[in-house]
Amino acid sequence: MNRWEAIALFKDHGAIMEGHFLLSSGMHSDTYVQSVRVLQHPHLGQRLGGELAALFPGESIDVVIAPALGGVVIGYMVGMALSRRMVFAERRAGTFALRRGQELRRGERALVVEDVITTGGSAEEIVSLVRACGAEPLAVTALVERGPSTELTIPKKALIELDIQSWKPEDCPLCKEGIELDSPGSRHLNPD
């Protein structure tokens, strides 16, 4: 699957939305990527997981780790494609942690999987968690990287790169126009 096929898949499933959105990073944007609209179809999730796994041929990966909630499904699918164990980190008191008996072993080589990268903040938090557990973070991969290229402390590969603008709330032109703000992300629970 090339970049354009992947973008078409996301558009066909309404996963690339237009409006006025509060992102998990706290930034505002006129475009939101809701990957669950594609990942709710297991056969598509399996295919996309295989595409992300294929970005790392010959890499020695021991474990896949993803942040909850957005990265869990695609992380699991990447783990399945690689025939590797998959763990997920959850926020506890604002910080990512492994819970429910999950662990990373000292020296394990970990692939960090995200659904969407905006600022890279969550990915870097997971990288820090991996290091704190004594494991080695190899790379970050994501279905979508939105906005200008995000610099991370380890290599990064995304299936889709979109040039989507985001703004600090005080600089948001949509706020200045009085357009209602929607917060569909998992950190900003929306009653819808």
Protein backbone atom coordinates (compact mmCIF):
# COMPACT_ATOMS: atom_id res chain seq x y z
CA MET A 1 0.00 0.00 0.00
CA ASN A 2 1.50 3.32 -0.97
CA ARG A 3 0.90 6.66 0.76
CA TRP A 4 -1.90 7.67 -1.63
CA GLU A 5 -3.75 4.37 -1.22
CA ALA A 6 -3.53 4.75 2.55
CA ILE A 7 -4.84 8.33 2.40
CA ALA A 8 -7.71 7.19 0.17
CA LEU A 9 -8.53 4.43 2.66
CA PHE A 10 -8.70 6.96 5.51
CA LYS A 11 -10.82 9.38 3.46
CA ASP A 12 -13.18 6.63 2.29
CA HIS A 13 -13.90 5.75 5.94
CA GLY A 14 -14.36 9.35 7.10
CA ALA A 15 -11.22 9.19 9.23
CA ILE A 16 -9.90 12.56 8.01
CA MET A 17 -12.35 15.09 9.40
CA GLU A 18 -12.66 18.86 8.89
CA GLY A 19 -13.86 21.35 11.51
CA HIS A 20 -12.35 22.96 14.63
CA PHE A 21 -10.65 20.45 16.91
CA LEU A 22 -8.82 20.33 20.22
CA LEU A 23 -5.92 17.88 19.82
CA SER A 24 -4.53 15.72 22.64
CA SER A 25 -1.46 17.98 22.57
CA GLY A 26 -3.65 20.98 23.52
CA MET A 27 -3.18 22.52 20.07
CA HIS A 28 -6.12 23.45 17.80
CA SER A 29 -6.55 22.33 14.19
CA ASP A 30 -9.00 22.47 11.30
CA THR A 31 -8.37 18.77 10.54
CA TYR A 32 -8.64 15.73 12.80
CA VAL A 33 -7.56 12.18 12.02
CA GLN A 34 -9.82 9.62 13.74
CA SER A 35 -7.99 6.37 12.93
CA VAL A 36 -10.54 4.24 14.78
CA ARG A 37 -12.91 4.81 11.87
CA VAL A 38 -10.57 2.62 9.80
CA LEU A 39 -9.30 0.36 12.60
CA GLN A 40 -12.84 -0.67 13.61
CA HIS A 41 -12.62 -2.98 10.60
CA PRO A 42 -10.27 -5.80 11.69
CA HIS A 43 -9.26 -6.74 8.15
CA LEU A 44 -8.14 -3.15 7.52
CA GLY A 45 -6.34 -2.98 10.86
CA GLN A 46 -4.55 -6.21 10.02
CA ARG A 47 -3.52 -4.86 6.63
CA LEU A 48 -2.29 -1.55 8.08
CA GLY A 49 -0.42 -3.36 10.86
CA GLY A 50 1.32 -5.42 8.21
CA GLU A 51 2.25 -2.26 6.30
CA LEU A 52 3.81 -0.70 9.41
CA ALA A 53 5.68 -3.91 10.27
CA ALA A 54 7.03 -4.00 6.71
CA LEU A 55 8.72 -0.62 7.30
CA PHE A 56 11.26 -2.46 9.49
CA PRO A 57 12.62 -5.37 7.43
CA GLY A 58 15.39 -7.29 9.13
CA GLU A 59 15.10 -5.33 12.40
CA SER A 60 15.47 -7.39 15.55
CA ILE A 61 12.30 -6.41 17.42
CA ASP A 62 11.40 -8.22 20.65
CA VAL A 63 8.29 -6.34 21.73
CA VAL A 64 5.81 -3.75 20.48
CA ILE A 65 4.59 -1.02 22.83
CA ALA A 66 1.79 1.48 22.22
CA PRO A 67 0.06 4.21 24.23
CA ALA A 68 -3.55 3.68 25.28
CA LEU A 69 -6.01 4.40 23.96
CA GLY A 70 -5.31 5.37 20.36
CA GLY A 71 -2.31 3.13 19.75
CA VAL A 72 -3.64 -0.12 21.22
CA VAL A 73 -5.43 -1.55 18.17
CA ILE A 74 -2.72 -0.70 15.64
CA GLY A 75 0.00 -1.72 18.11
CA TYR A 76 -1.65 -5.10 18.49
CA MET A 77 -1.89 -5.50 14.72
CA VAL A 78 1.81 -4.64 14.29
CA GLY A 79 2.67 -7.14 17.03
CA MET A 80 0.60 -9.75 15.23
CA ALA A 81 2.32 -9.01 11.88
CA LEU A 82 5.73 -9.34 13.54
CA SER A 83 4.70 -12.36 15.68
CA ARG A 84 5.88 -10.42 18.73
CA ARG A 85 4.47 -9.66 22.15
CA MET A 86 2.58 -6.37 22.46
CA VAL A 87 2.13 -4.27 25.59
CA PHE A 88 0.37 -0.95 26.11
CA ALA A 89 0.99 1.93 28.46
CA GLU A 90 -1.80 3.78 30.23
CA ARG A 91 -1.79 7.21 31.80
CA ARG A 92 -1.74 7.12 35.57
CA ALA A 93 -1.71 10.49 37.31
CA GLY A 94 -0.78 12.07 33.96
CA THR A 95 2.20 9.78 33.28
CA PHE A 96 2.40 6.67 31.11
CA ALA A 97 2.91 3.42 33.01
CA LEU A 98 2.67 -0.30 32.35
CA ARG A 99 -0.15 -1.84 34.38
CA ARG A 100 -2.21 -5.05 34.47
CA GLY A 101 0.87 -7.25 34.87
CA GLN A 102 2.53 -5.98 31.69
CA GLU A 103 6.26 -5.41 31.69
CA LEU A 104 9.27 -4.76 29.54
CA ARG A 105 12.34 -6.87 30.21
CA ARG A 106 15.81 -5.43 30.52
CA GLY A 107 17.53 -5.42 27.13
CA GLU A 108 14.37 -6.04 25.06
CA ARG A 109 14.32 -4.16 21.76
CA ALA A 110 11.01 -2.26 21.54
CA LEU A 111 9.13 -0.76 18.61
CA VAL A 112 6.87 2.13 19.67
CA VAL A 113 3.60 2.23 17.70
CA GLU A 114 1.23 5.21 17.51
CA ASP A 115 -1.92 5.76 15.52
CA VAL A 116 -1.33 9.49 14.93
CA ILE A 117 1.70 11.66 15.73
CA THR A 118 1.07 15.39 16.13
CA THR A 119 3.81 16.85 18.33
CA GLY A 120 5.52 13.57 19.23
CA GLY A 121 4.92 14.16 22.94
CA SER A 122 3.19 10.84 23.65
CA ALA A 123 5.73 8.93 21.56
CA GLU A 124 8.61 10.49 23.52
CA GLU A 125 6.88 9.64 26.80
CA ILE A 126 6.68 6.00 25.69
CA VAL A 127 10.35 6.09 24.63
CA SER A 128 11.23 7.36 28.13
CA LEU A 129 9.14 4.60 29.72
CA VAL A 130 10.90 1.96 27.60
CA ARG A 131 14.30 3.30 28.70
CA ALA A 132 13.20 3.48 32.35
CA CYS A 133 12.34 -0.23 32.17
CA GLY A 134 15.84 -1.02 30.93
CA ALA A 135 14.63 -1.90 27.43
CA GLU A 136 15.91 -0.36 24.19
CA PRO A 137 13.58 1.79 22.07
CA LEU A 138 14.44 1.10 18.41
CA ALA A 139 12.04 3.37 16.51
CA VAL A 140 8.62 4.96 16.49
CA THR A 141 6.11 4.11 13.78
CA ALA A 142 2.66 5.54 13.17
CA LEU A 143 -0.20 5.30 10.75
CA VAL A 144 -0.27 9.09 10.36
CA GLU A 145 2.12 11.92 11.04
CA ARG A 146 0.31 15.23 10.84
CA GLY A 147 1.90 18.61 10.42
CA PRO A 148 5.50 19.51 9.85
CA SER A 149 8.03 16.76 10.39
CA THR A 150 8.32 15.96 14.09
CA GLU A 151 11.80 15.48 15.51
CA LEU A 152 12.11 12.57 17.94
CA THR A 153 15.07 11.20 19.87
CA ILE A 154 14.91 7.91 17.94
CA PRO A 155 14.14 7.11 14.27
CA LYS A 156 10.53 7.48 13.10
CA LYS A 157 8.56 6.13 10.14
CA ALA A 158 4.93 6.88 9.28
CA LEU A 159 2.72 5.27 6.66
CA ILE A 160 0.97 8.58 5.89
CA GLU A 161 2.43 12.07 6.22
CA LEU A 162 -0.12 14.87 6.05
CA ASP A 163 0.57 18.60 6.00
CA ILE A 164 -2.05 19.68 8.54
CA GLN A 165 -1.70 22.94 10.41
CA SER A 166 -2.23 23.32 14.12
CA TRP A 167 -2.17 26.37 16.34
CA LYS A 168 -1.75 27.29 19.97
CA PRO A 169 -5.22 28.16 21.33
CA GLU A 170 -4.37 31.85 21.61
CA ASP A 171 -3.28 31.93 17.92
CA CYS A 172 -6.15 29.85 16.51
CA PRO A 173 -7.95 31.64 13.64
CA LEU A 174 -10.98 29.37 14.12
CA CYS A 175 -11.37 30.51 17.74
CA LYS A 176 -11.16 34.12 16.55
CA GLU A 177 -14.00 33.37 14.10
CA GLY A 178 -16.07 31.94 16.97
CA ILE A 179 -16.29 28.44 15.45
CA GLU A 180 -17.29 25.84 18.05
CA LEU A 181 -14.45 23.62 19.28
CA ASP A 182 -14.79 19.81 19.17
CA SER A 183 -12.59 17.52 21.28
CA PRO A 184 -12.83 13.97 19.90
CA GLY A 185 -9.52 12.69 21.34
CA SER A 186 -9.26 10.22 24.20
CA ARG A 187 -7.69 12.76 26.58
CA HIS A 188 -10.56 15.18 26.03
CA LEU A 189 -13.55 12.97 26.58
CA ASN A 190 -16.42 14.12 24.41
CA PRO A 191 -19.96 13.04 25.35
CA ASP A 192 -20.69 12.12 21.72
